[in-house]
Amino acid sequence: MLNVDLHCHSNVSDGALAPAEVAARAKAGSVDVWALTDHDEIGGIAEAREAAAALGMRYVTGVEISVTWAGRTIHVVGLRFDENNRDLAEGLKRTRCGREQRAHEMAAQLAAVGIPDAFEGALKHVGNPDLISRTHFARYIIETGACKDVQEVFANYLIEGKPGYVPHRWATLRDAVSWIRGAGGIAVVAHPGRYDLSDLELDALLSEFKQLGGAGVEVVTGSHTVDEYARFARIAQQYGLLASRGSDFHAPGESQTELGALPALPPNLTPVWHDWAV
């Protein structure tokens, strides 16, 4: 059985390791087929592909696109696309715009509750300044001693209703799916269990996603529980979606799941990689 990990991050977005280091960690986790899926950024693909080839892993292109849907932030993973596609590259560039202003607003809110210099502190953790994000702020907050880990940070800061939360208008669902499909790729809803959607909201999301040409959903991923594996396996079957699997690894000691360490997909699902030559 193939060990497939199709969701992880490098320091090109909000991960802590360079793409080649993530590749080495995936290989150490016995991953056979791997995709680096940085947020709204494909700048790490060349390094990731080269490292994977040197390590004997099959590599497929990947990206995780931030989407605003019904006032919520949803993530869509794109897989096996042409990274040289102009519409995709330009769309991702537009999506990245506005992060710096948002980051200054986040820092101002944190300063008001006793965490000064958060913008400068977060920048120390950013490999790509265009992609400064909540994860970088979380690492700085831990560094100050205000919280002991990422889970505590996101219980007290940076989420809706808490200091440091500033919403941002991302791509539309139609945009994200269109860019991925236009580049010859496969669109997958990332970690659906994280969005706290009602059954009606989830139905609306997946129905629209599929109507737009979306093809898959992450069933087994680092932030899902065992019960959610079973739930989203049923949902994948119900909506006729392909099933994907990925750790959502960001950093050693920070991520809930190591690369390659997830259980296999539940039975009776069609994997997103079912027709790949692997």
C-alpha atoms as a PDB file:
ATOM      1  CA  MET A   1       0.000   0.000   0.000  1.00  0.00           C
ATOM      2  CA  LEU A   2       1.350   3.413  -0.994  1.00  0.00           C
ATOM      3  CA  ASN A   3       2.089   5.954   1.724  1.00  0.00           C
ATOM      4  CA  VAL A   4       0.735   9.158   0.174  1.00  0.00           C
ATOM      5  CA  ASP A   5       1.014  12.596   1.816  1.00  0.00           C
ATOM      6  CA  LEU A   6      -0.570  15.379  -0.228  1.00  0.00           C
ATOM      7  CA  HIS A   7      -0.692  18.273   2.240  1.00  0.00           C
ATOM      8  CA  CYS A   8       2.275  19.937   3.961  1.00  0.00           C
ATOM      9  CA  HIS A   9       4.082  23.265   4.149  1.00  0.00           C
ATOM     10  CA  SER A  10       7.582  24.726   3.884  1.00  0.00           C
ATOM     11  CA  ASN A  11       9.084  28.064   4.841  1.00  0.00           C
ATOM     12  CA  VAL A  12       7.988  29.369   1.458  1.00  0.00           C
ATOM     13  CA  SER A  13       4.664  29.890   3.253  1.00  0.00           C
ATOM     14  CA  ASP A  14       4.119  29.202   6.956  1.00  0.00           C
ATOM     15  CA  GLY A  15       6.162  26.050   7.511  1.00  0.00           C
ATOM     16  CA  ALA A  16       9.458  26.079   9.404  1.00  0.00           C
ATOM     17  CA  LEU A  17      11.632  23.993   7.053  1.00  0.00           C
ATOM     18  CA  ALA A  18      12.934  24.574   3.543  1.00  0.00           C
ATOM     19  CA  PRO A  19      11.242  22.510   0.801  1.00  0.00           C
ATOM     20  CA  ALA A  20      14.218  20.127   0.566  1.00  0.00           C
ATOM     21  CA  GLU A  21      14.122  19.596   4.342  1.00  0.00           C
ATOM     22  CA  VAL A  22      10.411  18.806   4.174  1.00  0.00           C
ATOM     23  CA  ALA A  23      11.173  16.314   1.409  1.00  0.00           C
ATOM     24  CA  ALA A  24      13.801  14.618   3.592  1.00  0.00           C
ATOM     25  CA  ARG A  25      11.345  14.434   6.472  1.00  0.00           C
ATOM     26  CA  ALA A  26       8.701  12.912   4.192  1.00  0.00           C
ATOM     27  CA  LYS A  27      11.208  10.309   3.028  1.00  0.00           C
ATOM     28  CA  ALA A  28      12.106   9.548   6.650  1.00  0.00           C
ATOM     29  CA  GLY A  29       8.377   8.997   7.256  1.00  0.00           C
ATOM     30  CA  SER A  30       8.327   6.403   4.434  1.00  0.00           C
ATOM     31  CA  VAL A  31       6.254   8.590   2.126  1.00  0.00           C
ATOM     32  CA  ASP A  32       6.072   7.231  -1.434  1.00  0.00           C
ATOM     33  CA  VAL A  33       4.033   9.983  -3.132  1.00  0.00           C
ATOM     34  CA  TRP A  34       4.367  13.554  -1.894  1.00  0.00           C
ATOM     35  CA  ALA A  35       3.066  17.058  -2.587  1.00  0.00           C
ATOM     36  CA  LEU A  36       4.239  20.308  -1.040  1.00  0.00           C
ATOM     37  CA  THR A  37       1.144  22.527  -0.688  1.00  0.00           C
ATOM     38  CA  ASP A  38       2.282  25.955   0.462  1.00  0.00           C
ATOM     39  CA  HIS A  39      -0.359  28.620   1.081  1.00  0.00           C
ATOM     40  CA  ASP A  40      -1.127  30.667  -2.041  1.00  0.00           C
ATOM     41  CA  GLU A  41       2.444  30.163  -3.249  1.00  0.00           C
ATOM     42  CA  ILE A  42       4.154  27.812  -5.694  1.00  0.00           C
ATOM     43  CA  GLY A  43       7.690  29.170  -5.292  1.00  0.00           C
ATOM     44  CA  GLY A  44       8.914  26.034  -3.509  1.00  0.00           C
ATOM     45  CA  ILE A  45       7.904  23.579  -6.204  1.00  0.00           C
ATOM     46  CA  ALA A  46      11.211  23.417  -8.102  1.00  0.00           C
ATOM     47  CA  GLU A  47      13.244  22.717  -4.952  1.00  0.00           C
ATOM     48  CA  ALA A  48      10.659  20.219  -3.703  1.00  0.00           C
ATOM     49  CA  ARG A  49      10.582  18.328  -6.993  1.00  0.00           C
ATOM     50  CA  GLU A  50      14.373  18.137  -7.233  1.00  0.00           C
ATOM     51  CA  ALA A  51      14.715  16.935  -3.631  1.00  0.00           C
ATOM     52  CA  ALA A  52      11.975  14.337  -4.038  1.00  0.00           C
ATOM     53  CA  ALA A  53      13.603  12.970  -7.189  1.00  0.00           C
ATOM     54  CA  ALA A  54      16.963  12.677  -5.433  1.00  0.00           C
ATOM     55  CA  LEU A  55      15.293  10.765  -2.596  1.00  0.00           C
ATOM     56  CA  GLY A  56      13.343   8.426  -4.872  1.00  0.00           C
ATOM     57  CA  MET A  57       9.883   9.770  -4.032  1.00  0.00           C
ATOM     58  CA  ARG A  58       7.164  10.471  -6.570  1.00  0.00           C
ATOM     59  CA  TYR A  59       6.370  14.206  -6.463  1.00  0.00           C
ATOM     60  CA  VAL A  60       3.233  15.987  -7.639  1.00  0.00           C
ATOM     61  CA  THR A  61       2.722  19.745  -7.722  1.00  0.00           C
ATOM     62  CA  GLY A  62       0.601  21.232  -4.964  1.00  0.00           C
ATOM     63  CA  VAL A  63      -0.754  24.467  -3.476  1.00  0.00           C
ATOM     64  CA  GLU A  64      -3.273  25.385  -0.779  1.00  0.00           C
ATOM     65  CA  ILE A  65      -5.453  28.320  -1.842  1.00  0.00           C
ATOM     66  CA  SER A  66      -7.166  30.569   0.708  1.00  0.00           C
ATOM     67  CA  VAL A  67     -10.832  31.116  -0.153  1.00  0.00           C
ATOM     68  CA  THR A  68     -13.543  33.334   1.305  1.00  0.00           C
ATOM     69  CA  TRP A  69     -16.844  31.460   1.130  1.00  0.00           C
ATOM     70  CA  ALA A  70     -20.029  32.629   2.874  1.00  0.00           C
ATOM     71  CA  GLY A  71     -17.942  34.912   5.078  1.00  0.00           C
ATOM     72  CA  ARG A  72     -15.636  32.090   6.187  1.00  0.00           C
ATOM     73  CA  THR A  73     -12.098  31.144   5.253  1.00  0.00           C
ATOM     74  CA  ILE A  74     -11.978  27.794   3.464  1.00  0.00           C
ATOM     75  CA  HIS A  75      -8.885  26.162   1.979  1.00  0.00           C
ATOM     76  CA  VAL A  76      -8.730  24.367  -1.360  1.00  0.00           C
ATOM     77  CA  VAL A  77      -5.748  22.188  -2.237  1.00  0.00           C
ATOM     78  CA  GLY A  78      -4.688  21.982  -5.867  1.00  0.00           C
ATOM     79  CA  LEU A  79      -2.767  18.912  -7.055  1.00  0.00           C
ATOM     80  CA  ARG A  80      -0.992  17.814 -10.250  1.00  0.00           C
ATOM     81  CA  PHE A  81      -1.250  21.118 -12.084  1.00  0.00           C
ATOM     82  CA  ASP A  82       1.113  22.938 -14.439  1.00  0.00           C
ATOM     83  CA  GLU A  83       2.929  25.422 -12.195  1.00  0.00           C
ATOM     84  CA  ASN A  84       3.807  27.519 -15.258  1.00  0.00           C
ATOM     85  CA  ASN A  85       0.153  28.299 -15.944  1.00  0.00           C
ATOM     86  CA  ARG A  86      -0.168  32.085 -16.125  1.00  0.00           C
ATOM     87  CA  ASP A  87      -3.716  32.411 -14.774  1.00  0.00           C
ATOM     88  CA  LEU A  88      -2.868  30.300 -11.721  1.00  0.00           C
ATOM     89  CA  ALA A  89       0.328  32.260 -10.980  1.00  0.00           C
ATOM     90  CA  GLU A  90      -1.387  35.628 -11.359  1.00  0.00           C
ATOM     91  CA  GLY A  91      -4.386  34.524  -9.300  1.00  0.00           C
ATOM     92  CA  LEU A  92      -2.164  33.384  -6.447  1.00  0.00           C
ATOM     93  CA  LYS A  93      -0.255  36.664  -6.575  1.00  0.00           C
ATOM     94  CA  ARG A  94      -3.509  38.618  -6.206  1.00  0.00           C
ATOM     95  CA  THR A  95      -4.532  36.412  -3.308  1.00  0.00           C
ATOM     96  CA  ARG A  96      -1.282  37.132  -1.475  1.00  0.00           C
ATOM     97  CA  CYS A  97      -1.767  40.891  -1.762  1.00  0.00           C
ATOM     98  CA  GLY A  98      -2.966  42.628   1.374  1.00  0.00           C
ATOM     99  CA  ARG A  99      -1.278  40.331   3.893  1.00  0.00           C
ATOM    100  CA  GLU A 100       1.149  43.002   5.131  1.00  0.00           C
ATOM    101  CA  GLN A 101      -1.552  45.551   5.971  1.00  0.00           C
ATOM    102  CA  ARG A 102      -3.548  42.833   7.693  1.00  0.00           C
ATOM    103  CA  ALA A 103      -0.442  41.842   9.677  1.00  0.00           C
ATOM    104  CA  HIS A 104       0.053  45.413  10.930  1.00  0.00           C
ATOM    105  CA  GLU A 105      -3.578  45.491  12.096  1.00  0.00           C
ATOM    106  CA  MET A 106      -3.106  42.162  13.883  1.00  0.00           C
ATOM    107  CA  ALA A 107       0.014  43.483  15.619  1.00  0.00           C
ATOM    108  CA  ALA A 108      -1.821  46.610  16.785  1.00  0.00           C
ATOM    109  CA  GLN A 109      -4.533  44.487  18.394  1.00  0.00           C
ATOM    110  CA  LEU A 110      -1.928  42.315  20.129  1.00  0.00           C
ATOM    111  CA  ALA A 111      -0.060  45.370  21.401  1.00  0.00           C
ATOM    112  CA  ALA A 112      -3.293  46.624  22.962  1.00  0.00           C
ATOM    113  CA  VAL A 113      -3.481  43.463  25.111  1.00  0.00           C
ATOM    114  CA  GLY A 114       0.141  43.480  26.213  1.00  0.00           C
ATOM    115  CA  ILE A 115       2.035  41.731  23.394  1.00  0.00           C
ATOM    116  CA  PRO A 116       4.161  44.476  21.818  1.00  0.00           C
ATOM    117  CA  ASP A 117       6.286  44.372  18.653  1.00  0.00           C
ATOM    118  CA  ALA A 118       4.339  41.436  17.232  1.00  0.00           C
ATOM    119  CA  PHE A 119       4.795  42.478  13.594  1.00  0.00           C
ATOM    120  CA  GLU A 120       8.582  42.570  13.934  1.00  0.00           C
ATOM    121  CA  GLY A 121       8.509  39.392  16.021  1.00  0.00           C
ATOM    122  CA  ALA A 122       6.422  37.521  13.456  1.00  0.00           C
ATOM    123  CA  LEU A 123       8.740  38.646  10.662  1.00  0.00           C
ATOM    124  CA  LYS A 124      11.602  36.734  12.307  1.00  0.00           C
ATOM    125  CA  HIS A 125       9.682  33.530  11.581  1.00  0.00           C
ATOM    126  CA  VAL A 126       8.777  34.375   7.978  1.00  0.00           C
ATOM    127  CA  GLY A 127      10.680  32.798   5.114  1.00  0.00           C
ATOM    128  CA  ASN A 128       8.584  34.713   2.582  1.00  0.00           C
ATOM    129  CA  PRO A 129       7.475  38.189   3.812  1.00  0.00           C
ATOM    130  CA  ASP A 130       4.654  38.224   1.241  1.00  0.00           C
ATOM    131  CA  LEU A 131       3.058  35.368   3.166  1.00  0.00           C
ATOM    132  CA  ILE A 132       3.152  36.602   6.766  1.00  0.00           C
ATOM    133  CA  SER A 133       0.335  34.773   8.527  1.00  0.00           C
ATOM    134  CA  ARG A 134      -1.280  33.889  11.837  1.00  0.00           C
ATOM    135  CA  THR A 135       1.131  30.960  12.214  1.00  0.00           C
ATOM    136  CA  HIS A 136       4.096  33.342  12.265  1.00  0.00           C
ATOM    137  CA  PHE A 137       2.368  35.473  14.909  1.00  0.00           C
ATOM    138  CA  ALA A 138       1.621  32.327  16.913  1.00  0.00           C
ATOM    139  CA  ARG A 139       5.306  31.366  16.955  1.00  0.00           C
ATOM    140  CA  TYR A 140       6.227  34.833  18.206  1.00  0.00           C
ATOM    141  CA  ILE A 141       3.566  34.732  20.939  1.00  0.00           C
ATOM    142  CA  ILE A 142       5.019  31.418  22.148  1.00  0.00           C
ATOM    143  CA  GLU A 143       8.487  32.975  22.055  1.00  0.00           C
ATOM    144  CA  THR A 144       7.328  35.771  24.384  1.00  0.00           C
ATOM    145  CA  GLY A 145       6.093  33.213  26.927  1.00  0.00           C
ATOM    146  CA  ALA A 146       2.482  34.411  26.701  1.00  0.00           C
ATOM    147  CA  CYS A 147       1.425  30.907  25.595  1.00  0.00           C
ATOM    148  CA  LYS A 148       3.105  27.518  25.802  1.00  0.00           C
ATOM    149  CA  ASP A 149       2.092  26.096  22.402  1.00  0.00           C
ATOM    150  CA  VAL A 150       0.167  26.749  19.198  1.00  0.00           C
ATOM    151  CA  GLN A 151      -3.039  25.246  20.596  1.00  0.00           C
ATOM    152  CA  GLU A 152      -3.013  27.699  23.505  1.00  0.00           C
ATOM    153  CA  VAL A 153      -2.331  30.616  21.159  1.00  0.00           C
ATOM    154  CA  PHE A 154      -5.338  29.797  19.012  1.00  0.00           C
ATOM    155  CA  ALA A 155      -7.518  29.359  22.070  1.00  0.00           C
ATOM    156  CA  ASN A 156      -6.757  32.915  23.203  1.00  0.00           C
ATOM    157  CA  TYR A 157      -5.620  34.938  20.199  1.00  0.00           C
ATOM    158  CA  LEU A 158      -5.826  35.282  16.420  1.00  0.00           C
ATOM    159  CA  ILE A 159      -9.278  33.704  16.000  1.00  0.00           C
ATOM    160  CA  GLU A 160     -12.616  35.455  15.533  1.00  0.00           C
ATOM    161  CA  GLY A 161     -13.635  37.272  18.690  1.00  0.00           C
ATOM    162  CA  LYS A 162     -10.105  37.222  20.145  1.00  0.00           C
ATOM    163  CA  PRO A 163      -7.260  39.803  20.007  1.00  0.00           C
ATOM    164  CA  GLY A 164      -5.233  39.697  16.817  1.00  0.00           C
ATOM    165  CA  TYR A 165      -8.010  38.463  14.548  1.00  0.00           C
ATOM    166  CA  VAL A 166      -8.301  40.466  11.330  1.00  0.00           C
ATOM    167  CA  PRO A 167     -10.337  38.976   8.492  1.00  0.00           C
ATOM    168  CA  HIS A 168      -9.012  39.099   4.949  1.00  0.00           C
ATOM    169  CA  ARG A 169     -10.829  38.796   1.657  1.00  0.00           C
ATOM    170  CA  TRP A 170      -9.292  35.843  -0.171  1.00  0.00           C
ATOM    171  CA  ALA A 171     -10.062  34.282  -3.554  1.00  0.00           C
ATOM    172  CA  THR A 172     -13.562  33.090  -4.326  1.00  0.00           C
ATOM    173  CA  LEU A 173     -14.334  29.367  -4.483  1.00  0.00           C
ATOM    174  CA  ARG A 174     -15.007  29.765  -8.195  1.00  0.00           C
ATOM    175  CA  ASP A 175     -11.619  31.436  -8.693  1.00  0.00           C
ATOM    176  CA  ALA A 176      -9.666  28.762  -6.816  1.00  0.00           C
ATOM    177  CA  VAL A 177     -11.281  25.825  -8.584  1.00  0.00           C
ATOM    178  CA  SER A 178     -11.025  27.572 -11.953  1.00  0.00           C
ATOM    179  CA  TRP A 179      -7.298  28.325 -11.541  1.00  0.00           C
ATOM    180  CA  ILE A 180      -6.521  24.747 -10.527  1.00  0.00           C
ATOM    181  CA  ARG A 181      -8.591  23.153 -13.276  1.00  0.00           C
ATOM    182  CA  GLY A 182      -7.346  25.647 -15.867  1.00  0.00           C
ATOM    183  CA  ALA A 183      -3.809  24.519 -15.042  1.00  0.00           C
ATOM    184  CA  GLY A 184      -4.811  20.882 -15.563  1.00  0.00           C
ATOM    185  CA  GLY A 185      -5.010  20.056 -11.850  1.00  0.00           C
ATOM    186  CA  ILE A 186      -7.371  18.514  -9.333  1.00  0.00           C
ATOM    187  CA  ALA A 187      -9.174  20.635  -6.718  1.00  0.00           C
ATOM    188  CA  VAL A 188      -9.638  19.175  -3.213  1.00  0.00           C
ATOM    189  CA  VAL A 189     -11.411  20.671  -0.169  1.00  0.00           C
ATOM    190  CA  ALA A 190      -8.786  20.766   2.604  1.00  0.00           C
ATOM    191  CA  HIS A 191      -9.507  19.530   6.171  1.00  0.00           C
ATOM    192  CA  PRO A 192     -13.315  20.074   6.094  1.00  0.00           C
ATOM    193  CA  GLY A 193     -13.632  19.139   9.761  1.00  0.00           C
ATOM    194  CA  ARG A 194     -11.898  22.384  10.757  1.00  0.00           C
ATOM    195  CA  TYR A 195     -14.571  24.737   9.478  1.00  0.00           C
ATOM    196  CA  ASP A 196     -17.311  24.164  12.075  1.00  0.00           C
ATOM    197  CA  LEU A 197     -19.990  24.070   9.378  1.00  0.00           C
ATOM    198  CA  SER A 198     -23.523  22.912   9.993  1.00  0.00           C
ATOM    199  CA  ASP A 199     -24.797  20.028   7.868  1.00  0.00           C
ATOM    200  CA  LEU A 200     -26.659  22.516   5.672  1.00  0.00           C
ATOM    201  CA  GLU A 201     -23.587  24.721   5.274  1.00  0.00           C
ATOM    202  CA  LEU A 202     -21.368  21.753   4.447  1.00  0.00           C
ATOM    203  CA  ASP A 203     -23.905  20.570   1.884  1.00  0.00           C
ATOM    204  CA  ALA A 204     -23.941  24.043   0.292  1.00  0.00           C
ATOM    205  CA  LEU A 205     -20.139  24.165   0.191  1.00  0.00           C
ATOM    206  CA  LEU A 206     -19.631  20.712  -1.300  1.00  0.00           C
ATOM    207  CA  SER A 207     -22.513  21.075  -3.749  1.00  0.00           C
ATOM    208  CA  GLU A 208     -21.118  24.355  -5.070  1.00  0.00           C
ATOM    209  CA  PHE A 209     -17.578  22.973  -5.080  1.00  0.00           C
ATOM    210  CA  LYS A 210     -18.598  19.972  -7.142  1.00  0.00           C
ATOM    211  CA  GLN A 211     -20.723  22.083  -9.507  1.00  0.00           C
ATOM    212  CA  LEU A 212     -17.659  24.259 -10.173  1.00  0.00           C
ATOM    213  CA  GLY A 213     -15.588  21.188 -11.045  1.00  0.00           C
ATOM    214  CA  GLY A 214     -14.041  20.350  -7.677  1.00  0.00           C
ATOM    215  CA  ALA A 215     -13.086  16.693  -7.492  1.00  0.00           C
ATOM    216  CA  GLY A 216     -11.937  15.679  -4.022  1.00  0.00           C
ATOM    217  CA  VAL A 217     -12.064  16.100  -0.262  1.00  0.00           C
ATOM    218  CA  GLU A 218      -9.467  15.416   2.418  1.00  0.00           C
ATOM    219  CA  VAL A 219     -10.698  12.503   4.494  1.00  0.00           C
ATOM    220  CA  VAL A 220      -7.607  11.595   6.516  1.00  0.00           C
ATOM    221  CA  THR A 221      -5.672  14.683   7.580  1.00  0.00           C
ATOM    222  CA  GLY A 222      -3.728  15.861  10.600  1.00  0.00           C
ATOM    223  CA  SER A 223      -6.524  17.899  12.184  1.00  0.00           C
ATOM    224  CA  HIS A 224      -9.268  15.262  11.772  1.00  0.00           C
ATOM    225  CA  THR A 225     -10.263  12.888  14.537  1.00  0.00           C
ATOM    226  CA  VAL A 226     -10.843   9.175  14.015  1.00  0.00           C
ATOM    227  CA  ASP A 227     -14.589   9.849  14.010  1.00  0.00           C
ATOM    228  CA  GLU A 228     -14.080  12.519  11.359  1.00  0.00           C
ATOM    229  CA  TYR A 229     -12.183  10.046   9.178  1.00  0.00           C
ATOM    230  CA  ALA A 230     -15.342   7.933   9.116  1.00  0.00           C
ATOM    231  CA  ARG A 231     -17.652  10.920   8.710  1.00  0.00           C
ATOM    232  CA  PHE A 232     -15.837  12.395   5.751  1.00  0.00           C
ATOM    233  CA  ALA A 233     -15.410   8.973   4.177  1.00  0.00           C
ATOM    234  CA  ARG A 234     -19.213   8.757   4.117  1.00  0.00           C
ATOM    235  CA  ILE A 235     -19.441  12.303   2.778  1.00  0.00           C
ATOM    236  CA  ALA A 236     -16.912  11.585   0.005  1.00  0.00           C
ATOM    237  CA  GLN A 237     -19.077   8.657  -1.088  1.00  0.00           C
ATOM    238  CA  GLN A 238     -22.285  10.664  -0.784  1.00  0.00           C
ATOM    239  CA  TYR A 239     -21.030  13.480  -3.018  1.00  0.00           C
ATOM    240  CA  GLY A 240     -19.043  11.287  -5.388  1.00  0.00           C
ATOM    241  CA  LEU A 241     -15.755  12.941  -4.427  1.00  0.00           C
ATOM    242  CA  LEU A 242     -12.281  11.458  -4.553  1.00  0.00           C
ATOM    243  CA  ALA A 243     -10.608  10.970  -1.160  1.00  0.00           C
ATOM    244  CA  SER A 244      -7.305  12.614  -0.263  1.00  0.00           C
ATOM    245  CA  ARG A 245      -4.824  12.166   2.582  1.00  0.00           C
ATOM    246  CA  GLY A 246      -2.244  14.561   4.012  1.00  0.00           C
ATOM    247  CA  SER A 247      -0.598  15.383   7.309  1.00  0.00           C
ATOM    248  CA  ASP A 248      -0.802  19.211   7.035  1.00  0.00           C
ATOM    249  CA  PHE A 249       2.705  19.208   8.512  1.00  0.00           C
ATOM    250  CA  HIS A 250       4.183  22.644   9.303  1.00  0.00           C
ATOM    251  CA  ALA A 251       7.047  22.211  11.761  1.00  0.00           C
ATOM    252  CA  PRO A 252       8.737  19.643  14.003  1.00  0.00           C
ATOM    253  CA  GLY A 253       7.156  19.608  17.439  1.00  0.00           C
ATOM    254  CA  GLU A 254       4.365  21.934  16.312  1.00  0.00           C
ATOM    255  CA  SER A 255       2.243  19.880  13.945  1.00  0.00           C
ATOM    256  CA  GLN A 256      -0.286  17.359  15.237  1.00  0.00           C
ATOM    257  CA  THR A 257       0.868  14.698  12.778  1.00  0.00           C
ATOM    258  CA  GLU A 258       4.216  13.832  11.241  1.00  0.00           C
ATOM    259  CA  LEU A 259       4.670  13.399   7.514  1.00  0.00           C
ATOM    260  CA  GLY A 260       3.616   9.914   6.465  1.00  0.00           C
ATOM    261  CA  ALA A 261       2.272   8.980   9.920  1.00  0.00           C
ATOM    262  CA  LEU A 262      -1.459   9.067   9.163  1.00  0.00           C
ATOM    263  CA  PRO A 263      -3.542   5.894   8.920  1.00  0.00           C
ATOM    264  CA  ALA A 264      -4.628   4.663   5.518  1.00  0.00           C
ATOM    265  CA  LEU A 265      -7.816   5.907   3.904  1.00  0.00           C
ATOM    266  CA  PRO A 266     -10.939   4.030   5.016  1.00  0.00           C
ATOM    267  CA  PRO A 267     -12.023   1.247   2.619  1.00  0.00           C
ATOM    268  CA  ASN A 268     -14.437   1.668  -0.283  1.00  0.00           C
ATOM    269  CA  LEU A 269     -13.181   5.118  -1.253  1.00  0.00           C
ATOM    270  CA  THR A 270     -11.632   6.165  -4.548  1.00  0.00           C
ATOM    271  CA  PRO A 271      -8.286   7.837  -3.750  1.00  0.00           C
ATOM    272  CA  VAL A 272      -7.447  11.061  -5.526  1.00  0.00           C
ATOM    273  CA  TRP A 273      -4.371   9.254  -6.866  1.00  0.00           C
ATOM    274  CA  HIS A 274      -6.326   6.238  -8.210  1.00  0.00           C
ATOM    275  CA  ASP A 275      -5.468   6.936 -11.852  1.00  0.00           C
ATOM    276  CA  TRP A 276      -1.941   8.267 -11.349  1.00  0.00           C
ATOM    277  CA  ALA A 277       0.927   6.192 -12.695  1.00  0.00           C
ATOM    278  CA  VAL A 278       2.481   5.429  -9.310  1.00  0.00           C
END
